[in-house]
Structure formats: C-alpha cells, structure tokens
Amino acid sequence: MRLQELKTKIYELTEVNTTKQLKAKYEEIKTLDMRQKISWEKTLAILQKQQSEFDAWLENPPEEYKDLFSEITEVSQIYDQKSAQTKHQAQEVLSIANNLEELAKECQDEADQLKQEVEITRQISKQARLN
C-alpha cells in the first residue's frame, strides 16, 4: 500500500485530519516518526489490533456491561416506540387541523353566501316598499 493510501485509511479510521491529532488520540503512536512509511504501517497495525480487541470484547463483555447494554437496548426500543407513536399522533393532529381549516373555509363561504342573500333580500324588500 502506498504511503498516501495508508494515511488516508488511517485518517478515515481514526476520524482525525492531522498527525498531531492522531498522536493526541493514540498514546501508542506518540513516539513514532510519521514521516516514515514504516510508522504509518505500525500505526495501522496498532489500530487494527485495537479494533479486533474491541470487537472481541463486544462479543463477550463483562456481566455488568451485558446488563447495561441490555438496559440500553430496552430503553432504546421504548424510545423508538414512543417516537413512532408521537409521529403518528402528530400526523393525526395535522390531519385534524387540515379538516378544521376546510370546515372553517366552508363555514366562511356559507356565511358569505348568507350575507349576500340577506343583502339581496334587503334590496328586494326596499324596492318593494318603494313600489
């Protein structure tokens, strides 16, 4: 692998942009000379080892963490359910609001029509009185 490819891969894995940030984040590589390709290769090996150790730990964490992870999963599921319910209720409220707006428009149209009818009736009545 070329040096630039190594750097890119390591920066992506570690989510940093500079060697200074990289060394600040990982104690094991502070003494490495990052001008040399071998140092980047060692860094990649260290990162891959840490990731595999972490993956192994995740597969079989200590009992106290299993309980904690179980609780987190349970709370997350409850949150997802409540979130879905809230979204559904928000959609219902929006639908009700839209229906009320339509009803208000219909009532306003009907009121306008009644005003016109009253005005026409007044004009006819006035005309009848004048005749």
N, C-alpha and C. Protein backbone atom coordinates (compact mmCIF):
# COMPACT_ATOMS: atom_id res chain seq x y z
N MET A 1 0.85 -1.17 0.00
CA MET A 1 0.00 0.00 0.00
C MET A 1 0.90 1.24 0.00
N ARG A 2 0.53 2.22 -0.80
CA ARG A 2 1.31 3.44 -0.88
C ARG A 2 1.13 4.28 0.38
N LEU A 3 2.08 5.16 0.63
CA LEU A 3 2.05 5.99 1.83
C LEU A 3 0.77 6.83 1.90
N GLN A 4 0.41 7.45 0.80
CA GLN A 4 -0.78 8.30 0.80
C GLN A 4 -2.04 7.48 1.08
N GLU A 5 -2.09 6.26 0.54
CA GLU A 5 -3.24 5.39 0.81
C GLU A 5 -3.29 5.01 2.29
N LEU A 6 -2.12 4.73 2.87
CA LEU A 6 -2.04 4.41 4.30
C LEU A 6 -2.57 5.58 5.13
N LYS A 7 -2.08 6.77 4.82
CA LYS A 7 -2.50 7.95 5.56
C LYS A 7 -4.01 8.14 5.46
N THR A 8 -4.53 8.04 4.26
CA THR A 8 -5.97 8.23 4.05
C THR A 8 -6.77 7.21 4.85
N LYS A 9 -6.34 5.96 4.79
CA LYS A 9 -7.06 4.90 5.51
C LYS A 9 -7.02 5.15 7.01
N ILE A 10 -5.86 5.52 7.53
CA ILE A 10 -5.71 5.74 8.96
C ILE A 10 -6.53 6.96 9.40
N TYR A 11 -6.47 8.01 8.63
CA TYR A 11 -7.26 9.20 8.98
C TYR A 11 -8.76 8.90 8.98
N GLU A 12 -9.20 8.08 8.03
CA GLU A 12 -10.62 7.71 8.00
C GLU A 12 -10.99 6.84 9.20
N LEU A 13 -10.12 5.88 9.52
CA LEU A 13 -10.39 5.00 10.67
C LEU A 13 -10.45 5.77 11.98
N THR A 14 -9.55 6.72 12.12
CA THR A 14 -9.43 7.44 13.39
C THR A 14 -10.26 8.71 13.46
N GLU A 15 -10.79 9.12 12.31
CA GLU A 15 -11.62 10.32 12.23
C GLU A 15 -10.86 11.57 12.69
N VAL A 16 -9.60 11.67 12.27
CA VAL A 16 -8.78 12.86 12.51
C VAL A 16 -8.22 13.34 11.18
N ASN A 17 -7.58 14.52 11.20
CA ASN A 17 -7.08 15.08 9.95
C ASN A 17 -5.58 15.33 9.93
N THR A 18 -4.94 15.27 11.08
CA THR A 18 -3.50 15.54 11.14
C THR A 18 -2.79 14.53 12.01
N THR A 19 -1.47 14.46 11.83
CA THR A 19 -0.69 13.55 12.68
C THR A 19 -0.71 14.03 14.13
N LYS A 20 -0.77 15.33 14.34
CA LYS A 20 -0.83 15.87 15.70
C LYS A 20 -2.09 15.37 16.41
N GLN A 21 -3.23 15.41 15.72
CA GLN A 21 -4.48 14.90 16.29
C GLN A 21 -4.39 13.40 16.51
N LEU A 22 -3.77 12.72 15.57
CA LEU A 22 -3.62 11.27 15.65
C LEU A 22 -2.81 10.88 16.89
N LYS A 23 -1.69 11.56 17.09
CA LYS A 23 -0.82 11.26 18.24
C LYS A 23 -1.49 11.65 19.56
N ALA A 24 -2.30 12.69 19.53
CA ALA A 24 -3.02 13.08 20.73
C ALA A 24 -4.09 12.06 21.10
N LYS A 25 -4.63 11.43 20.11
CA LYS A 25 -5.72 10.48 20.33
C LYS A 25 -5.21 9.08 20.72
N TYR A 26 -4.03 8.72 20.25
CA TYR A 26 -3.49 7.37 20.48
C TYR A 26 -2.11 7.44 21.10
N GLU A 27 -2.04 7.10 22.37
CA GLU A 27 -0.80 7.14 23.14
C GLU A 27 0.29 6.26 22.53
N GLU A 28 -0.08 5.11 21.99
CA GLU A 28 0.89 4.13 21.49
C GLU A 28 1.73 4.63 20.32
N ILE A 29 1.25 5.64 19.62
CA ILE A 29 1.98 6.09 18.43
C ILE A 29 2.71 7.41 18.62
N LYS A 30 2.70 7.93 19.84
CA LYS A 30 3.32 9.23 20.09
C LYS A 30 4.81 9.25 19.74
N THR A 31 5.48 8.12 19.91
CA THR A 31 6.94 8.09 19.67
C THR A 31 7.29 7.78 18.22
N LEU A 32 6.31 7.45 17.41
CA LEU A 32 6.60 7.09 16.02
C LEU A 32 6.90 8.33 15.18
N ASP A 33 7.80 8.16 14.23
CA ASP A 33 8.15 9.24 13.29
C ASP A 33 7.23 9.10 12.08
N MET A 34 6.23 9.97 12.02
CA MET A 34 5.20 9.82 11.00
C MET A 34 5.65 10.31 9.62
N ARG A 35 6.93 10.63 9.49
CA ARG A 35 7.47 10.95 8.17
C ARG A 35 7.86 9.68 7.42
N GLN A 36 7.90 8.57 8.16
CA GLN A 36 8.33 7.30 7.56
C GLN A 36 7.14 6.38 7.34
N LYS A 37 7.20 5.68 6.24
CA LYS A 37 6.11 4.76 5.88
C LYS A 37 5.96 3.66 6.92
N ILE A 38 7.08 3.17 7.46
CA ILE A 38 7.02 2.09 8.45
C ILE A 38 6.20 2.51 9.67
N SER A 39 6.27 3.80 10.04
CA SER A 39 5.50 4.29 11.18
C SER A 39 4.01 4.26 10.87
N TRP A 40 3.65 4.58 9.66
CA TRP A 40 2.24 4.51 9.25
C TRP A 40 1.76 3.07 9.23
N GLU A 41 2.61 2.16 8.79
CA GLU A 41 2.25 0.74 8.79
C GLU A 41 2.07 0.24 10.21
N LYS A 42 2.96 0.65 11.14
CA LYS A 42 2.82 0.27 12.55
C LYS A 42 1.53 0.85 13.13
N THR A 43 1.25 2.08 12.76
CA THR A 43 0.02 2.72 13.24
C THR A 43 -1.20 1.94 12.79
N LEU A 44 -1.21 1.54 11.53
CA LEU A 44 -2.34 0.76 11.02
C LEU A 44 -2.46 -0.56 11.77
N ALA A 45 -1.35 -1.21 12.01
CA ALA A 45 -1.36 -2.48 12.75
C ALA A 45 -1.90 -2.27 14.17
N ILE A 46 -1.47 -1.19 14.82
CA ILE A 46 -1.96 -0.89 16.16
C ILE A 46 -3.47 -0.66 16.15
N LEU A 47 -3.92 0.12 15.19
CA LEU A 47 -5.35 0.41 15.10
C LEU A 47 -6.17 -0.84 14.83
N GLN A 48 -5.68 -1.68 13.93
CA GLN A 48 -6.40 -2.92 13.61
C GLN A 48 -6.43 -3.85 14.82
N LYS A 49 -5.33 -3.89 15.57
CA LYS A 49 -5.28 -4.74 16.78
C LYS A 49 -6.28 -4.22 17.80
N GLN A 50 -6.29 -2.91 18.01
CA GLN A 50 -7.25 -2.33 18.95
C GLN A 50 -8.68 -2.62 18.53
N GLN A 51 -8.96 -2.51 17.25
CA GLN A 51 -10.31 -2.75 16.76
C GLN A 51 -10.71 -4.21 16.95
N SER A 52 -9.79 -5.14 16.68
CA SER A 52 -10.11 -6.56 16.86
C SER A 52 -10.31 -6.89 18.34
N GLU A 53 -9.50 -6.26 19.21
CA GLU A 53 -9.68 -6.47 20.65
C GLU A 53 -11.03 -5.92 21.11
N PHE A 54 -11.40 -4.77 20.58
CA PHE A 54 -12.68 -4.18 20.95
C PHE A 54 -13.84 -5.05 20.43
N ASP A 55 -13.71 -5.53 19.20
CA ASP A 55 -14.75 -6.41 18.65
C ASP A 55 -14.91 -7.66 19.49
N ALA A 56 -13.77 -8.24 19.92
CA ALA A 56 -13.81 -9.43 20.77
C ALA A 56 -14.48 -9.11 22.10
N TRP A 57 -14.16 -7.95 22.65
CA TRP A 57 -14.76 -7.53 23.91
C TRP A 57 -16.28 -7.36 23.76
N LEU A 58 -16.67 -6.77 22.62
CA LEU A 58 -18.11 -6.58 22.38
C LEU A 58 -18.86 -7.90 22.29
N GLU A 59 -18.21 -8.91 21.73
CA GLU A 59 -18.86 -10.22 21.62
C GLU A 59 -19.08 -10.86 22.97
N ASN A 60 -18.21 -10.58 23.93
CA ASN A 60 -18.34 -11.18 25.25
C ASN A 60 -17.93 -10.19 26.33
N PRO A 61 -18.75 -9.16 26.54
CA PRO A 61 -18.40 -8.16 27.55
C PRO A 61 -18.62 -8.71 28.96
N PRO A 62 -18.02 -8.06 29.96
CA PRO A 62 -18.27 -8.47 31.35
C PRO A 62 -19.76 -8.38 31.68
N GLU A 63 -20.17 -9.12 32.69
CA GLU A 63 -21.58 -9.21 33.05
C GLU A 63 -22.20 -7.85 33.33
N GLU A 64 -21.47 -6.98 34.02
CA GLU A 64 -22.02 -5.66 34.34
C GLU A 64 -22.34 -4.86 33.08
N TYR A 65 -21.54 -5.05 32.03
CA TYR A 65 -21.81 -4.36 30.77
C TYR A 65 -22.94 -5.02 30.00
N LYS A 66 -23.05 -6.34 30.13
CA LYS A 66 -24.17 -7.02 29.47
C LYS A 66 -25.49 -6.47 29.98
N ASP A 67 -25.57 -6.31 31.31
CA ASP A 67 -26.79 -5.75 31.90
C ASP A 67 -27.03 -4.34 31.40
N LEU A 68 -25.96 -3.56 31.36
CA LEU A 68 -26.07 -2.18 30.91
C LEU A 68 -26.50 -2.12 29.44
N PHE A 69 -25.89 -2.95 28.60
CA PHE A 69 -26.25 -2.99 27.19
C PHE A 69 -27.70 -3.44 27.00
N SER A 70 -28.11 -4.40 27.83
CA SER A 70 -29.49 -4.88 27.76
C SER A 70 -30.45 -3.75 28.12
N GLU A 71 -30.11 -3.01 29.16
CA GLU A 71 -30.95 -1.89 29.57
C GLU A 71 -30.99 -0.80 28.50
N ILE A 72 -29.85 -0.53 27.90
CA ILE A 72 -29.79 0.46 26.82
C ILE A 72 -30.67 0.03 25.65
N THR A 73 -30.58 -1.24 25.30
CA THR A 73 -31.39 -1.78 24.20
C THR A 73 -32.88 -1.64 24.52
N GLU A 74 -33.25 -1.97 25.74
CA GLU A 74 -34.65 -1.89 26.15
C GLU A 74 -35.14 -0.45 26.11
N VAL A 75 -34.36 0.47 26.65
CA VAL A 75 -34.75 1.89 26.65
C VAL A 75 -34.81 2.42 25.23
N SER A 76 -33.90 1.98 24.40
CA SER A 76 -33.88 2.41 23.00
C SER A 76 -35.14 1.93 22.28
N GLN A 77 -35.55 0.72 22.54
CA GLN A 77 -36.76 0.19 21.92
C GLN A 77 -37.99 0.96 22.38
N ILE A 78 -38.04 1.26 23.68
CA ILE A 78 -39.17 2.04 24.22
C ILE A 78 -39.19 3.42 23.58
N TYR A 79 -38.00 4.02 23.46
CA TYR A 79 -37.91 5.33 22.81
C TYR A 79 -38.41 5.27 21.37
N ASP A 80 -37.99 4.24 20.65
CA ASP A 80 -38.43 4.09 19.26
C ASP A 80 -39.95 3.96 19.18
N GLN A 81 -40.54 3.19 20.11
CA GLN A 81 -42.00 3.04 20.12
C GLN A 81 -42.69 4.37 20.41
N LYS A 82 -42.19 5.06 21.43
CA LYS A 82 -42.79 6.35 21.79
C LYS A 82 -42.62 7.37 20.66
N SER A 83 -41.47 7.32 20.02
CA SER A 83 -41.22 8.22 18.90
C SER A 83 -42.18 7.94 17.75
N ALA A 84 -42.39 6.67 17.46
CA ALA A 84 -43.34 6.30 16.40
C ALA A 84 -44.76 6.73 16.77
N GLN A 85 -45.13 6.54 18.04
CA GLN A 85 -46.45 6.96 18.49
C GLN A 85 -46.61 8.48 18.36
N THR A 86 -45.58 9.19 18.75
CA THR A 86 -45.62 10.65 18.68
C THR A 86 -45.76 11.12 17.24
N LYS A 87 -45.01 10.48 16.33
CA LYS A 87 -45.12 10.84 14.92
C LYS A 87 -46.53 10.58 14.40
N HIS A 88 -47.09 9.44 14.80
CA HIS A 88 -48.44 9.09 14.38
C HIS A 88 -49.45 10.11 14.93
N GLN A 89 -49.30 10.47 16.19
CA GLN A 89 -50.21 11.44 16.80
C GLN A 89 -50.06 12.81 16.14
N ALA A 90 -48.82 13.17 15.81
CA ALA A 90 -48.60 14.45 15.14
C ALA A 90 -49.28 14.46 13.77
N GLN A 91 -49.24 13.33 13.07
CA GLN A 91 -49.91 13.23 11.78
C GLN A 91 -51.42 13.36 11.95
N GLU A 92 -51.95 12.73 13.01
CA GLU A 92 -53.38 12.83 13.28
C GLU A 92 -53.78 14.27 13.59
N VAL A 93 -52.97 14.94 14.41
CA VAL A 93 -53.26 16.33 14.76
C VAL A 93 -53.22 17.20 13.50
N LEU A 94 -52.24 16.97 12.66
CA LEU A 94 -52.13 17.73 11.41
C LEU A 94 -53.35 17.47 10.53
N SER A 95 -53.78 16.23 10.47
CA SER A 95 -54.97 15.89 9.67
C SER A 95 -56.21 16.58 10.24
N ILE A 96 -56.34 16.57 11.55
CA ILE A 96 -57.48 17.23 12.20
C ILE A 96 -57.43 18.73 11.92
N ALA A 97 -56.24 19.32 12.02
CA ALA A 97 -56.10 20.76 11.75
C ALA A 97 -56.48 21.07 10.31
N ASN A 98 -56.06 20.23 9.39
CA ASN A 98 -56.42 20.44 7.99
C ASN A 98 -57.94 20.35 7.79
N ASN A 99 -58.55 19.36 8.45
CA ASN A 99 -60.01 19.21 8.36
C ASN A 99 -60.72 20.44 8.94
N LEU A 100 -60.20 20.95 10.07
CA LEU A 100 -60.79 22.14 10.68
C LEU A 100 -60.65 23.35 9.76
N GLU A 101 -59.51 23.47 9.11
CA GLU A 101 -59.32 24.57 8.17
C GLU A 101 -60.33 24.48 7.03
N GLU A 102 -60.54 23.27 6.51
CA GLU A 102 -61.52 23.08 5.44
C GLU A 102 -62.92 23.42 5.93
N LEU A 103 -63.24 22.98 7.12
CA LEU A 103 -64.56 23.25 7.70
C LEU A 103 -64.74 24.76 7.91
N ALA A 104 -63.69 25.42 8.42
CA ALA A 104 -63.76 26.87 8.63
C ALA A 104 -63.98 27.59 7.30
N LYS A 105 -63.31 27.13 6.25
CA LYS A 105 -63.47 27.73 4.93
C LYS A 105 -64.90 27.53 4.43
N GLU A 106 -65.42 26.33 4.61
CA GLU A 106 -66.80 26.05 4.20
C GLU A 106 -67.77 26.94 4.97
N CYS A 107 -67.54 27.09 6.28
CA CYS A 107 -68.42 27.94 7.10
C CYS A 107 -68.32 29.39 6.66
N GLN A 108 -67.11 29.83 6.37
CA GLN A 108 -66.92 31.20 5.90
C GLN A 108 -67.62 31.42 4.57
N ASP A 109 -67.49 30.44 3.67
CA ASP A 109 -68.17 30.54 2.37
C ASP A 109 -69.69 30.59 2.57
N GLU A 110 -70.18 29.77 3.47
CA GLU A 110 -71.61 29.74 3.75
C GLU A 110 -72.06 31.07 4.36
N ALA A 111 -71.25 31.62 5.26
CA ALA A 111 -71.57 32.91 5.88
C ALA A 111 -71.58 34.01 4.82
N ASP A 112 -70.60 33.98 3.94
CA ASP A 112 -70.56 34.97 2.86
C ASP A 112 -71.80 34.87 1.97
N GLN A 113 -72.20 33.63 1.69
CA GLN A 113 -73.38 33.41 0.86
C GLN A 113 -74.64 33.92 1.57
N LEU A 114 -74.75 33.68 2.88
CA LEU A 114 -75.89 34.17 3.65
C LEU A 114 -75.92 35.70 3.68
N LYS A 115 -74.74 36.33 3.80
CA LYS A 115 -74.67 37.80 3.77
C LYS A 115 -75.19 38.33 2.44
N GLN A 116 -74.78 37.64 1.36
CA GLN A 116 -75.24 38.06 0.03
C GLN A 116 -76.75 37.91 -0.08
N GLU A 117 -77.27 36.79 0.43
CA GLU A 117 -78.72 36.57 0.38
C GLU A 117 -79.46 37.62 1.20
N VAL A 118 -78.92 37.95 2.39
CA VAL A 118 -79.55 38.98 3.22
C VAL A 118 -79.54 40.31 2.50
N GLU A 119 -78.41 40.65 1.90
CA GLU A 119 -78.30 41.91 1.15
C GLU A 119 -79.28 41.95 -0.01
N ILE A 120 -79.37 40.85 -0.73
CA ILE A 120 -80.32 40.78 -1.85
C ILE A 120 -81.75 40.91 -1.33
N THR A 121 -82.05 40.23 -0.22
CA THR A 121 -83.39 40.30 0.37
C THR A 121 -83.71 41.72 0.80
N ARG A 122 -82.74 42.42 1.39
CA ARG A 122 -82.94 43.82 1.79
C ARG A 122 -83.23 44.70 0.58
N GLN A 123 -82.44 44.47 -0.46
CA GLN A 123 -82.63 45.28 -1.67
C GLN A 123 -84.02 45.02 -2.27
N ILE A 124 -84.41 43.76 -2.28
CA ILE A 124 -85.74 43.42 -2.83
C ILE A 124 -86.83 44.04 -1.95
N SER A 125 -86.64 43.93 -0.64
CA SER A 125 -87.62 44.50 0.30
C SER A 125 -87.71 46.01 0.16
N LYS A 126 -86.54 46.64 0.04
CA LYS A 126 -86.50 48.09 -0.13
C LYS A 126 -87.19 48.50 -1.43
N GLN A 127 -86.90 47.74 -2.48
CA GLN A 127 -87.51 48.02 -3.78
C GLN A 127 -89.02 47.83 -3.71
N ALA A 128 -89.45 46.79 -2.97
CA ALA A 128 -90.90 46.53 -2.86
C ALA A 128 -91.57 47.64 -2.09
N ARG A 129 -90.91 48.18 -1.07
CA ARG A 129 -91.50 49.30 -0.31
C ARG A 129 -91.60 50.57 -1.15
N LEU A 130 -90.61 50.76 -2.01
CA LEU A 130 -90.61 51.94 -2.86
C LEU A 130 -91.70 51.84 -3.94
N ASN A 131 -92.04 50.67 -4.35
CA ASN A 131 -93.04 50.50 -5.41
C ASN A 131 -94.39 50.58 -4.84
